[in-house]
N, C-alpha and C. Protein backbone atom coordinates (compact mmCIF):
# COMPACT_ATOMS: atom_id res chain seq x y z
N MET A 1 8.09 47.85 31.46
CA MET A 1 9.52 47.91 31.22
C MET A 1 9.78 48.39 29.79
N GLN A 2 10.65 49.41 29.63
CA GLN A 2 10.95 49.94 28.32
C GLN A 2 11.81 48.99 27.51
N ALA A 3 11.78 49.17 26.18
CA ALA A 3 12.50 48.27 25.28
C ALA A 3 14.00 48.21 25.61
N LYS A 4 14.58 49.37 25.93
CA LYS A 4 16.01 49.43 26.25
C LYS A 4 16.32 48.61 27.50
N ALA A 5 15.44 48.73 28.49
CA ALA A 5 15.64 47.98 29.74
C ALA A 5 15.51 46.48 29.50
N LYS A 6 14.60 46.07 28.61
CA LYS A 6 14.43 44.65 28.30
C LYS A 6 15.67 44.09 27.62
N VAL A 7 16.29 44.90 26.75
CA VAL A 7 17.53 44.48 26.09
C VAL A 7 18.64 44.31 27.11
N LYS A 8 18.76 45.28 28.02
CA LYS A 8 19.81 45.21 29.05
C LYS A 8 19.61 44.00 29.95
N LEU A 9 18.35 43.74 30.36
CA LEU A 9 18.05 42.58 31.19
C LEU A 9 18.37 41.30 30.43
N SER A 10 18.02 41.25 29.17
CA SER A 10 18.30 40.07 28.34
C SER A 10 19.79 39.79 28.30
N ARG A 11 20.58 40.82 28.10
CA ARG A 11 22.04 40.64 28.02
C ARG A 11 22.62 40.18 29.35
N SER A 12 22.11 40.74 30.46
CA SER A 12 22.65 40.36 31.77
C SER A 12 22.31 38.92 32.13
N LEU A 13 21.15 38.42 31.64
CA LEU A 13 20.72 37.06 31.95
C LEU A 13 21.15 36.05 30.88
N GLY A 14 21.62 36.57 29.74
CA GLY A 14 22.09 35.69 28.68
C GLY A 14 20.98 35.03 27.88
N ILE A 15 19.78 35.62 27.90
CA ILE A 15 18.64 35.09 27.14
C ILE A 15 17.89 36.25 26.49
N ALA A 16 17.40 36.04 25.28
CA ALA A 16 16.66 37.08 24.57
C ALA A 16 15.20 37.05 25.00
N LEU A 17 14.75 38.12 25.63
CA LEU A 17 13.36 38.20 26.12
C LEU A 17 12.41 38.79 25.09
N THR A 18 12.97 39.45 24.07
CA THR A 18 12.15 40.03 23.00
C THR A 18 12.89 39.85 21.68
N PRO A 19 12.18 39.94 20.54
CA PRO A 19 12.86 39.86 19.24
C PRO A 19 13.94 40.93 19.08
N LYS A 20 13.69 42.14 19.59
CA LYS A 20 14.68 43.21 19.51
C LYS A 20 15.94 42.84 20.29
N ALA A 21 15.74 42.24 21.47
CA ALA A 21 16.89 41.82 22.28
C ALA A 21 17.68 40.73 21.56
N ALA A 22 16.98 39.84 20.86
CA ALA A 22 17.66 38.76 20.13
C ALA A 22 18.59 39.33 19.07
N LYS A 23 18.11 40.33 18.35
CA LYS A 23 18.93 40.96 17.30
C LYS A 23 20.14 41.67 17.92
N TYR A 24 19.92 42.35 19.02
CA TYR A 24 20.99 43.09 19.69
C TYR A 24 22.06 42.13 20.20
N MET A 25 21.61 41.00 20.75
CA MET A 25 22.55 40.04 21.34
C MET A 25 23.36 39.30 20.29
N GLU A 26 22.86 39.25 19.07
CA GLU A 26 23.66 38.67 17.98
C GLU A 26 24.88 39.54 17.71
N ARG A 27 24.71 40.85 17.88
CA ARG A 27 25.83 41.78 17.66
C ARG A 27 26.74 41.88 18.88
N ARG A 28 26.15 41.76 20.08
CA ARG A 28 26.93 41.89 21.31
C ARG A 28 26.61 40.72 22.24
N PRO A 29 27.20 39.55 21.99
CA PRO A 29 26.87 38.35 22.77
C PRO A 29 27.61 38.26 24.10
N TYR A 30 27.61 39.34 24.86
CA TYR A 30 28.24 39.35 26.17
C TYR A 30 27.44 40.28 27.08
N PRO A 31 27.58 40.12 28.40
CA PRO A 31 26.78 40.93 29.34
C PRO A 31 27.07 42.41 29.22
N PRO A 32 26.15 43.28 29.67
CA PRO A 32 26.37 44.72 29.61
C PRO A 32 27.38 45.16 30.66
N GLY A 33 27.84 46.37 30.50
CA GLY A 33 28.76 46.92 31.51
C GLY A 33 30.20 46.91 31.03
N GLN A 34 31.02 47.63 31.76
CA GLN A 34 32.43 47.83 31.42
C GLN A 34 33.21 46.52 31.36
N HIS A 35 32.84 45.58 32.25
CA HIS A 35 33.59 44.31 32.34
C HIS A 35 32.80 43.14 31.78
N GLY A 36 31.85 43.44 30.93
CA GLY A 36 30.97 42.40 30.42
C GLY A 36 31.67 41.30 29.65
N ARG A 37 32.79 41.64 28.96
CA ARG A 37 33.45 40.64 28.12
C ARG A 37 34.32 39.68 28.93
N GLY A 38 34.69 40.05 30.15
CA GLY A 38 35.58 39.19 30.92
C GLY A 38 35.13 39.05 32.35
N ARG A 39 34.04 38.35 32.59
CA ARG A 39 33.51 38.19 33.94
C ARG A 39 34.28 37.12 34.70
N LYS A 40 34.44 37.33 36.00
CA LYS A 40 35.11 36.33 36.83
C LYS A 40 34.17 35.17 37.14
N LYS A 41 34.75 34.10 37.64
CA LYS A 41 33.95 32.92 37.97
C LYS A 41 32.96 33.28 39.08
N GLU A 42 31.72 32.89 38.89
CA GLU A 42 30.68 33.26 39.84
C GLU A 42 30.55 32.23 40.95
N SER A 43 30.03 32.66 42.11
CA SER A 43 29.79 31.76 43.23
C SER A 43 28.55 30.92 42.96
N ASP A 44 28.39 29.84 43.73
CA ASP A 44 27.21 28.99 43.60
C ASP A 44 25.95 29.81 43.84
N TYR A 45 25.98 30.67 44.85
CA TYR A 45 24.81 31.49 45.17
C TYR A 45 24.44 32.40 44.00
N LYS A 46 25.46 33.01 43.40
CA LYS A 46 25.21 33.91 42.26
C LYS A 46 24.61 33.15 41.09
N ASN A 47 25.12 31.95 40.83
CA ASN A 47 24.58 31.13 39.74
C ASN A 47 23.12 30.76 40.00
N GLN A 48 22.82 30.42 41.25
CA GLN A 48 21.44 30.07 41.61
C GLN A 48 20.53 31.29 41.45
N LEU A 49 21.02 32.44 41.87
CA LEU A 49 20.25 33.68 41.78
C LEU A 49 19.97 34.04 40.32
N VAL A 50 20.97 33.90 39.48
CA VAL A 50 20.80 34.21 38.05
C VAL A 50 19.77 33.29 37.41
N GLU A 51 19.80 31.99 37.75
CA GLU A 51 18.82 31.07 37.18
C GLU A 51 17.40 31.43 37.62
N LYS A 52 17.26 31.84 38.87
CA LYS A 52 15.95 32.26 39.37
C LYS A 52 15.47 33.50 38.61
N GLN A 53 16.36 34.44 38.39
CA GLN A 53 16.00 35.66 37.67
C GLN A 53 15.67 35.36 36.21
N ARG A 54 16.39 34.38 35.65
CA ARG A 54 16.11 33.96 34.27
C ARG A 54 14.68 33.44 34.14
N LEU A 55 14.31 32.56 35.06
CA LEU A 55 12.97 31.99 34.99
C LEU A 55 11.91 33.06 35.20
N ARG A 56 12.12 33.92 36.19
CA ARG A 56 11.18 35.02 36.43
C ARG A 56 11.01 35.89 35.21
N ALA A 57 12.11 36.22 34.56
CA ALA A 57 12.07 37.12 33.40
C ALA A 57 11.34 36.49 32.23
N GLN A 58 11.54 35.20 32.02
CA GLN A 58 10.91 34.54 30.87
C GLN A 58 9.40 34.43 31.01
N TYR A 59 8.92 34.44 32.27
CA TYR A 59 7.48 34.42 32.50
C TYR A 59 6.95 35.79 32.94
N ASN A 60 7.86 36.76 33.11
CA ASN A 60 7.48 38.12 33.50
C ASN A 60 6.63 38.11 34.78
N ILE A 61 7.14 37.42 35.80
CA ILE A 61 6.41 37.31 37.06
C ILE A 61 7.22 37.91 38.20
N SER A 62 6.54 38.19 39.30
CA SER A 62 7.19 38.78 40.46
C SER A 62 7.86 37.70 41.31
N GLU A 63 8.70 38.14 42.22
CA GLU A 63 9.34 37.21 43.15
C GLU A 63 8.29 36.46 43.97
N ARG A 64 7.27 37.18 44.39
CA ARG A 64 6.21 36.55 45.18
C ARG A 64 5.48 35.46 44.38
N GLN A 65 5.20 35.75 43.12
CA GLN A 65 4.53 34.76 42.28
C GLN A 65 5.40 33.52 42.08
N LEU A 66 6.69 33.72 41.88
CA LEU A 66 7.59 32.58 41.70
C LEU A 66 7.70 31.78 42.99
N ARG A 67 7.80 32.47 44.10
CA ARG A 67 7.90 31.77 45.39
C ARG A 67 6.64 30.95 45.67
N ASN A 68 5.48 31.51 45.35
CA ASN A 68 4.22 30.78 45.55
C ASN A 68 4.15 29.55 44.65
N ALA A 69 4.61 29.71 43.40
CA ALA A 69 4.62 28.58 42.47
C ALA A 69 5.58 27.50 42.96
N TYR A 70 6.71 27.92 43.53
CA TYR A 70 7.67 26.96 44.06
C TYR A 70 7.06 26.18 45.23
N ALA A 71 6.36 26.88 46.11
CA ALA A 71 5.72 26.22 47.26
C ALA A 71 4.72 25.18 46.78
N GLU A 72 3.99 25.48 45.72
CA GLU A 72 3.04 24.52 45.17
C GLU A 72 3.77 23.35 44.52
N ALA A 73 4.88 23.65 43.84
CA ALA A 73 5.67 22.60 43.17
C ALA A 73 6.23 21.60 44.18
N VAL A 74 6.61 22.10 45.35
CA VAL A 74 7.15 21.23 46.41
C VAL A 74 6.11 20.21 46.87
N ARG A 75 4.86 20.65 46.93
CA ARG A 75 3.78 19.79 47.43
C ARG A 75 3.35 18.72 46.42
N LYS A 76 3.69 18.93 45.15
CA LYS A 76 3.27 17.98 44.12
C LYS A 76 4.26 16.81 44.04
N PRO A 77 3.78 15.63 43.67
CA PRO A 77 4.71 14.50 43.49
C PRO A 77 5.63 14.74 42.30
N GLY A 78 6.79 14.13 42.32
CA GLY A 78 7.74 14.30 41.22
C GLY A 78 8.84 15.28 41.57
N LYS A 79 9.63 15.65 40.59
CA LYS A 79 10.76 16.56 40.80
C LYS A 79 10.27 18.00 40.92
N THR A 80 10.69 18.65 41.99
CA THR A 80 10.20 20.01 42.27
C THR A 80 10.51 20.99 41.15
N GLY A 81 11.73 20.94 40.62
CA GLY A 81 12.11 21.88 39.57
C GLY A 81 11.27 21.72 38.32
N GLU A 82 11.03 20.48 37.92
CA GLU A 82 10.21 20.23 36.74
C GLU A 82 8.76 20.64 37.00
N ASN A 83 8.28 20.36 38.20
CA ASN A 83 6.92 20.79 38.57
C ASN A 83 6.77 22.30 38.47
N LEU A 84 7.80 23.01 38.91
CA LEU A 84 7.77 24.48 38.90
C LEU A 84 7.61 25.00 37.47
N VAL A 85 8.41 24.48 36.56
CA VAL A 85 8.35 24.95 35.17
C VAL A 85 6.99 24.62 34.54
N THR A 86 6.49 23.42 34.77
CA THR A 86 5.21 23.05 34.15
C THR A 86 4.04 23.84 34.75
N LEU A 87 4.12 24.19 36.03
CA LEU A 87 3.09 25.04 36.63
C LEU A 87 3.08 26.42 35.97
N LEU A 88 4.25 26.99 35.76
CA LEU A 88 4.34 28.31 35.14
C LEU A 88 3.90 28.26 33.67
N GLU A 89 4.21 27.15 33.01
CA GLU A 89 3.85 27.01 31.60
C GLU A 89 2.34 26.83 31.42
N SER A 90 1.64 26.52 32.50
CA SER A 90 0.18 26.36 32.43
C SER A 90 -0.56 27.68 32.61
N ARG A 91 0.18 28.77 32.83
CA ARG A 91 -0.43 30.10 32.95
C ARG A 91 -1.04 30.52 31.61
N LEU A 92 -2.12 31.29 31.67
CA LEU A 92 -2.79 31.73 30.46
C LEU A 92 -1.88 32.61 29.61
N ASP A 93 -1.14 33.53 30.22
CA ASP A 93 -0.28 34.41 29.42
C ASP A 93 0.83 33.64 28.71
N ALA A 94 1.38 32.61 29.36
CA ALA A 94 2.40 31.78 28.72
C ALA A 94 1.81 31.04 27.53
N PHE A 95 0.58 30.55 27.70
CA PHE A 95 -0.09 29.83 26.62
C PHE A 95 -0.34 30.75 25.42
N VAL A 96 -0.77 31.97 25.69
CA VAL A 96 -1.04 32.95 24.62
C VAL A 96 0.23 33.20 23.80
N LEU A 97 1.37 33.27 24.48
CA LEU A 97 2.64 33.45 23.78
C LEU A 97 2.99 32.21 22.95
N ARG A 98 2.96 31.05 23.56
CA ARG A 98 3.37 29.81 22.87
C ARG A 98 2.45 29.49 21.69
N ALA A 99 1.16 29.81 21.82
CA ALA A 99 0.21 29.49 20.75
C ALA A 99 0.38 30.40 19.53
N GLY A 100 1.12 31.50 19.70
CA GLY A 100 1.34 32.42 18.58
C GLY A 100 0.37 33.57 18.52
N PHE A 101 -0.31 33.84 19.64
CA PHE A 101 -1.26 34.95 19.69
C PHE A 101 -0.59 36.28 20.08
N ALA A 102 0.66 36.21 20.53
CA ALA A 102 1.37 37.42 20.96
C ALA A 102 2.85 37.29 20.60
N ARG A 103 3.50 38.44 20.50
CA ARG A 103 4.90 38.49 20.06
C ARG A 103 5.87 38.23 21.21
N THR A 104 5.52 38.71 22.41
CA THR A 104 6.37 38.56 23.58
C THR A 104 5.51 38.23 24.79
N ILE A 105 6.14 37.81 25.89
CA ILE A 105 5.39 37.51 27.11
C ILE A 105 4.78 38.80 27.67
N TYR A 106 5.43 39.93 27.43
CA TYR A 106 4.90 41.21 27.91
C TYR A 106 3.59 41.54 27.16
N GLN A 107 3.60 41.34 25.85
CA GLN A 107 2.40 41.60 25.06
C GLN A 107 1.30 40.60 25.42
N ALA A 108 1.69 39.34 25.67
CA ALA A 108 0.71 38.31 26.03
C ALA A 108 -0.02 38.69 27.31
N ARG A 109 0.71 39.15 28.30
CA ARG A 109 0.07 39.56 29.56
C ARG A 109 -0.87 40.73 29.34
N GLN A 110 -0.42 41.70 28.55
CA GLN A 110 -1.25 42.87 28.27
C GLN A 110 -2.55 42.46 27.58
N PHE A 111 -2.45 41.56 26.60
CA PHE A 111 -3.64 41.10 25.88
C PHE A 111 -4.63 40.42 26.83
N VAL A 112 -4.10 39.57 27.72
CA VAL A 112 -4.97 38.87 28.67
C VAL A 112 -5.62 39.87 29.62
N ASN A 113 -4.81 40.76 30.18
CA ASN A 113 -5.32 41.74 31.14
C ASN A 113 -6.39 42.66 30.54
N HIS A 114 -6.31 42.87 29.23
CA HIS A 114 -7.28 43.75 28.57
C HIS A 114 -8.54 42.99 28.12
N GLY A 115 -8.61 41.72 28.48
CA GLY A 115 -9.84 40.97 28.27
C GLY A 115 -10.08 40.49 26.84
N HIS A 116 -9.00 40.18 26.12
CA HIS A 116 -9.15 39.77 24.72
C HIS A 116 -9.42 38.28 24.54
N PHE A 117 -9.40 37.49 25.64
CA PHE A 117 -9.51 36.04 25.48
C PHE A 117 -10.66 35.42 26.28
N THR A 118 -11.13 34.29 25.77
CA THR A 118 -12.06 33.45 26.53
C THR A 118 -11.40 32.09 26.74
N VAL A 119 -11.73 31.45 27.84
CA VAL A 119 -11.31 30.08 28.11
C VAL A 119 -12.59 29.25 28.21
N ASN A 120 -12.73 28.31 27.31
CA ASN A 120 -13.95 27.49 27.23
C ASN A 120 -15.21 28.35 27.14
N GLY A 121 -15.08 29.46 26.39
CA GLY A 121 -16.23 30.32 26.14
C GLY A 121 -16.48 31.41 27.17
N ARG A 122 -15.69 31.43 28.24
CA ARG A 122 -15.88 32.45 29.28
C ARG A 122 -14.69 33.42 29.30
N LYS A 123 -14.99 34.71 29.37
CA LYS A 123 -13.93 35.72 29.38
C LYS A 123 -13.04 35.54 30.62
N VAL A 124 -11.72 35.54 30.39
CA VAL A 124 -10.74 35.46 31.48
C VAL A 124 -9.72 36.57 31.25
N ASP A 125 -9.53 37.44 32.25
CA ASP A 125 -8.56 38.53 32.11
C ASP A 125 -7.50 38.50 33.21
N ILE A 126 -7.20 37.29 33.67
CA ILE A 126 -6.17 37.09 34.70
C ILE A 126 -5.01 36.32 34.09
N ALA A 127 -3.86 36.97 33.98
CA ALA A 127 -2.71 36.37 33.30
C ALA A 127 -2.24 35.07 33.97
N SER A 128 -2.39 34.99 35.29
CA SER A 128 -1.92 33.82 36.03
C SER A 128 -2.94 32.67 36.04
N TYR A 129 -4.06 32.85 35.36
CA TYR A 129 -5.09 31.79 35.31
C TYR A 129 -4.43 30.48 34.88
N ARG A 130 -4.70 29.42 35.64
CA ARG A 130 -4.08 28.12 35.37
C ARG A 130 -4.96 27.28 34.44
N LEU A 131 -4.42 26.96 33.28
CA LEU A 131 -5.15 26.14 32.33
C LEU A 131 -5.09 24.67 32.72
N LYS A 132 -6.13 23.94 32.34
CA LYS A 132 -6.20 22.49 32.55
C LYS A 132 -6.20 21.80 31.20
N ALA A 133 -5.77 20.56 31.19
CA ALA A 133 -5.73 19.80 29.94
C ALA A 133 -7.11 19.79 29.29
N GLY A 134 -7.15 20.10 28.01
CA GLY A 134 -8.41 20.13 27.28
C GLY A 134 -9.04 21.49 27.14
N ASP A 135 -8.51 22.49 27.85
CA ASP A 135 -9.08 23.84 27.78
C ASP A 135 -8.89 24.46 26.40
N PHE A 136 -9.92 25.18 25.94
CA PHE A 136 -9.85 25.92 24.69
C PHE A 136 -9.69 27.41 25.00
N VAL A 137 -8.74 28.04 24.32
CA VAL A 137 -8.52 29.48 24.48
C VAL A 137 -8.77 30.13 23.12
N GLN A 138 -9.59 31.19 23.13
CA GLN A 138 -9.96 31.84 21.87
C GLN A 138 -9.95 33.35 22.03
N VAL A 139 -9.56 34.03 20.96
CA VAL A 139 -9.65 35.49 20.93
C VAL A 139 -11.12 35.88 20.84
N ARG A 140 -11.53 36.83 21.66
CA ARG A 140 -12.93 37.25 21.68
C ARG A 140 -13.32 37.87 20.34
N LYS A 141 -14.58 37.72 20.00
CA LYS A 141 -15.09 38.15 18.70
C LYS A 141 -14.79 39.62 18.42
N LYS A 142 -15.00 40.48 19.41
CA LYS A 142 -14.82 41.92 19.18
C LYS A 142 -13.35 42.32 19.04
N SER A 143 -12.44 41.40 19.41
CA SER A 143 -11.01 41.69 19.33
C SER A 143 -10.37 41.19 18.04
N ARG A 144 -11.05 40.32 17.33
CA ARG A 144 -10.44 39.61 16.20
C ARG A 144 -10.06 40.51 15.03
N GLU A 145 -10.75 41.65 14.88
CA GLU A 145 -10.48 42.52 13.74
C GLU A 145 -9.38 43.54 14.03
N THR A 146 -8.86 43.56 15.26
CA THR A 146 -7.80 44.51 15.58
C THR A 146 -6.49 44.05 14.93
N THR A 147 -5.61 45.02 14.68
CA THR A 147 -4.37 44.73 13.95
C THR A 147 -3.51 43.63 14.59
N PRO A 148 -3.28 43.65 15.92
CA PRO A 148 -2.42 42.60 16.50
C PRO A 148 -2.95 41.19 16.25
N PHE A 149 -4.26 41.02 16.31
CA PHE A 149 -4.80 39.68 16.13
C PHE A 149 -4.96 39.31 14.66
N GLN A 150 -5.06 40.29 13.79
CA GLN A 150 -4.99 40.00 12.36
C GLN A 150 -3.60 39.49 12.00
N LEU A 151 -2.59 40.10 12.61
CA LEU A 151 -1.21 39.64 12.42
C LEU A 151 -1.02 38.23 12.98
N ALA A 152 -1.60 38.00 14.16
CA ALA A 152 -1.50 36.67 14.77
C ALA A 152 -2.16 35.62 13.88
N ALA A 153 -3.32 35.95 13.32
CA ALA A 153 -4.05 35.02 12.45
C ALA A 153 -3.25 34.69 11.20
N ALA A 154 -2.40 35.62 10.77
CA ALA A 154 -1.56 35.42 9.59
C ALA A 154 -0.27 34.68 9.94
N GLY A 155 -0.09 34.37 11.23
CA GLY A 155 1.09 33.62 11.64
C GLY A 155 2.31 34.46 11.97
N ALA A 156 2.11 35.78 12.14
CA ALA A 156 3.24 36.69 12.36
C ALA A 156 4.02 36.39 13.64
N TRP A 157 3.34 35.91 14.68
CA TRP A 157 4.00 35.70 15.97
C TRP A 157 4.30 34.22 16.23
N ALA A 158 3.90 33.35 15.34
CA ALA A 158 4.07 31.92 15.57
C ALA A 158 5.55 31.54 15.54
N GLY A 159 5.95 30.65 16.45
CA GLY A 159 7.31 30.14 16.44
C GLY A 159 7.49 29.15 15.30
N GLU A 160 8.73 28.72 15.11
CA GLU A 160 9.00 27.75 14.05
C GLU A 160 8.25 26.44 14.31
N VAL A 161 8.15 26.06 15.58
CA VAL A 161 7.45 24.83 15.94
C VAL A 161 6.53 25.13 17.13
N THR A 162 5.26 24.80 17.00
CA THR A 162 4.33 24.94 18.13
C THR A 162 4.57 23.79 19.09
N PRO A 163 4.70 24.05 20.39
CA PRO A 163 4.93 22.97 21.35
C PRO A 163 3.89 21.87 21.24
N ALA A 164 4.30 20.64 21.53
CA ALA A 164 3.44 19.47 21.33
C ALA A 164 2.20 19.48 22.22
N TYR A 165 2.23 20.26 23.29
CA TYR A 165 1.09 20.30 24.21
C TYR A 165 0.06 21.36 23.84
N ILE A 166 0.26 21.98 22.68
CA ILE A 166 -0.67 23.01 22.20
C ILE A 166 -1.12 22.67 20.78
N GLU A 167 -2.41 22.77 20.56
CA GLU A 167 -2.97 22.63 19.22
C GLU A 167 -3.53 23.99 18.83
N ALA A 168 -2.87 24.66 17.90
CA ALA A 168 -3.25 26.03 17.56
C ALA A 168 -3.82 26.10 16.15
N HIS A 169 -4.93 26.82 16.01
CA HIS A 169 -5.53 27.12 14.71
C HIS A 169 -5.54 28.64 14.59
N LEU A 170 -4.43 29.17 14.09
CA LEU A 170 -4.26 30.62 14.10
C LEU A 170 -5.28 31.35 13.24
N GLU A 171 -5.65 30.79 12.10
CA GLU A 171 -6.62 31.48 11.24
C GLU A 171 -7.95 31.71 11.98
N GLY A 172 -8.31 30.75 12.83
CA GLY A 172 -9.53 30.90 13.61
C GLY A 172 -9.30 31.52 14.96
N LEU A 173 -8.03 31.86 15.27
CA LEU A 173 -7.64 32.47 16.55
C LEU A 173 -8.17 31.66 17.74
N ILE A 174 -7.95 30.37 17.66
CA ILE A 174 -8.34 29.46 18.74
C ILE A 174 -7.23 28.43 18.93
N ALA A 175 -7.02 28.02 20.16
CA ALA A 175 -6.00 27.01 20.46
C ALA A 175 -6.45 26.18 21.65
N ARG A 176 -5.91 24.98 21.74
CA ARG A 176 -6.27 24.06 22.82
C ARG A 176 -5.04 23.65 23.60
N PHE A 177 -5.18 23.64 24.91
CA PHE A 177 -4.12 23.17 25.81
C PHE A 177 -4.31 21.67 25.95
N LEU A 178 -3.56 20.91 25.18
CA LEU A 178 -3.79 19.47 25.08
C LEU A 178 -3.47 18.73 26.37
N SER A 179 -2.37 19.14 27.02
CA SER A 179 -1.95 18.45 28.24
C SER A 179 -0.96 19.31 29.00
N VAL A 180 -0.81 19.02 30.28
CA VAL A 180 0.24 19.68 31.06
C VAL A 180 1.57 19.17 30.52
N PRO A 181 2.46 20.06 30.12
CA PRO A 181 3.68 19.61 29.43
C PRO A 181 4.70 18.94 30.34
N GLU A 182 5.56 18.14 29.74
CA GLU A 182 6.74 17.64 30.42
C GLU A 182 7.80 18.73 30.32
N ARG A 183 8.73 18.73 31.27
CA ARG A 183 9.76 19.78 31.29
C ARG A 183 10.52 19.85 29.96
N LYS A 184 10.86 18.71 29.40
CA LYS A 184 11.68 18.70 28.18
C LYS A 184 10.95 19.32 26.99
N GLN A 185 9.63 19.45 27.08
CA GLN A 185 8.85 20.05 25.99
C GLN A 185 8.78 21.57 26.08
N VAL A 186 9.12 22.11 27.23
CA VAL A 186 8.92 23.55 27.48
C VAL A 186 10.13 24.34 26.98
N PRO A 187 9.93 25.30 26.07
CA PRO A 187 11.05 26.07 25.51
C PRO A 187 11.52 27.21 26.40
N VAL A 188 11.89 26.86 27.62
CA VAL A 188 12.38 27.85 28.59
C VAL A 188 13.83 27.51 28.92
N ILE A 189 14.67 28.54 28.95
CA ILE A 189 16.09 28.35 29.20
C ILE A 189 16.39 28.61 30.67
N CYS A 190 16.63 27.56 31.43
CA CYS A 190 17.05 27.70 32.82
C CYS A 190 17.42 26.32 33.37
N ASP A 191 18.24 26.34 34.41
CA ASP A 191 18.57 25.12 35.14
C ASP A 191 17.71 25.16 36.40
N GLU A 192 16.55 24.51 36.33
CA GLU A 192 15.60 24.61 37.44
C GLU A 192 16.12 24.01 38.74
N GLN A 193 17.08 23.08 38.65
CA GLN A 193 17.62 22.48 39.86
C GLN A 193 18.35 23.53 40.71
N LEU A 194 19.00 24.48 40.05
CA LEU A 194 19.66 25.55 40.80
C LEU A 194 18.65 26.44 41.52
N ILE A 195 17.47 26.58 40.94
CA ILE A 195 16.40 27.36 41.58
C ILE A 195 15.90 26.62 42.80
N VAL A 196 15.76 25.31 42.69
CA VAL A 196 15.36 24.48 43.85
C VAL A 196 16.39 24.65 44.98
N GLU A 197 17.67 24.61 44.63
CA GLU A 197 18.74 24.77 45.62
C GLU A 197 18.66 26.15 46.27
N PHE A 198 18.34 27.17 45.49
CA PHE A 198 18.24 28.53 46.01
C PHE A 198 17.14 28.62 47.07
N TYR A 199 15.97 28.07 46.77
CA TYR A 199 14.84 28.20 47.68
C TYR A 199 14.88 27.21 48.84
N SER A 200 15.63 26.14 48.70
CA SER A 200 15.63 25.12 49.76
C SER A 200 16.66 25.41 50.85
N LYS A 201 17.35 26.54 50.75
CA LYS A 201 18.35 26.86 51.79
C LYS A 201 17.64 27.28 53.08
């Protein structure tokens, strides 16, 4: 997806998916299009659909991947919506982003797919790989001298606060997935209950 398209998607969903989109939305905090400044009241279905699209966009996953994750969340004990978010947050690409190894979820997926990471010492190049509590994720030795990871080691991509379920040592380009997070710990913007309502129809 091109940068311009990511900005447009960010504006339509009301969330910044990239740093560039965040800057753009500060200047134009309303949806794109001719009628963006004065939208009419949306239906329940539309609201549910938008929340689903928001979650998909923040993890950069397909409809099929989200539907499969939802099916798994239903089978787990506890609240389905919270289960869904924590399952997605356990993905390797999401972890790479949260740990500060990548600037965006798009870059995080690319880095994983190109084989730049090991999990517990073994190379993993599958973005959807599900991490378990205690797993160590590290940038591979041959990748550490490349510019993106030198920037990561300097803290260029790190958020203001690293989530409590991640222990990151950026200088060493290694991080640990301490535990499966609680929903309230996950920095994702969505009303997951509306997504549950969408899929349970």
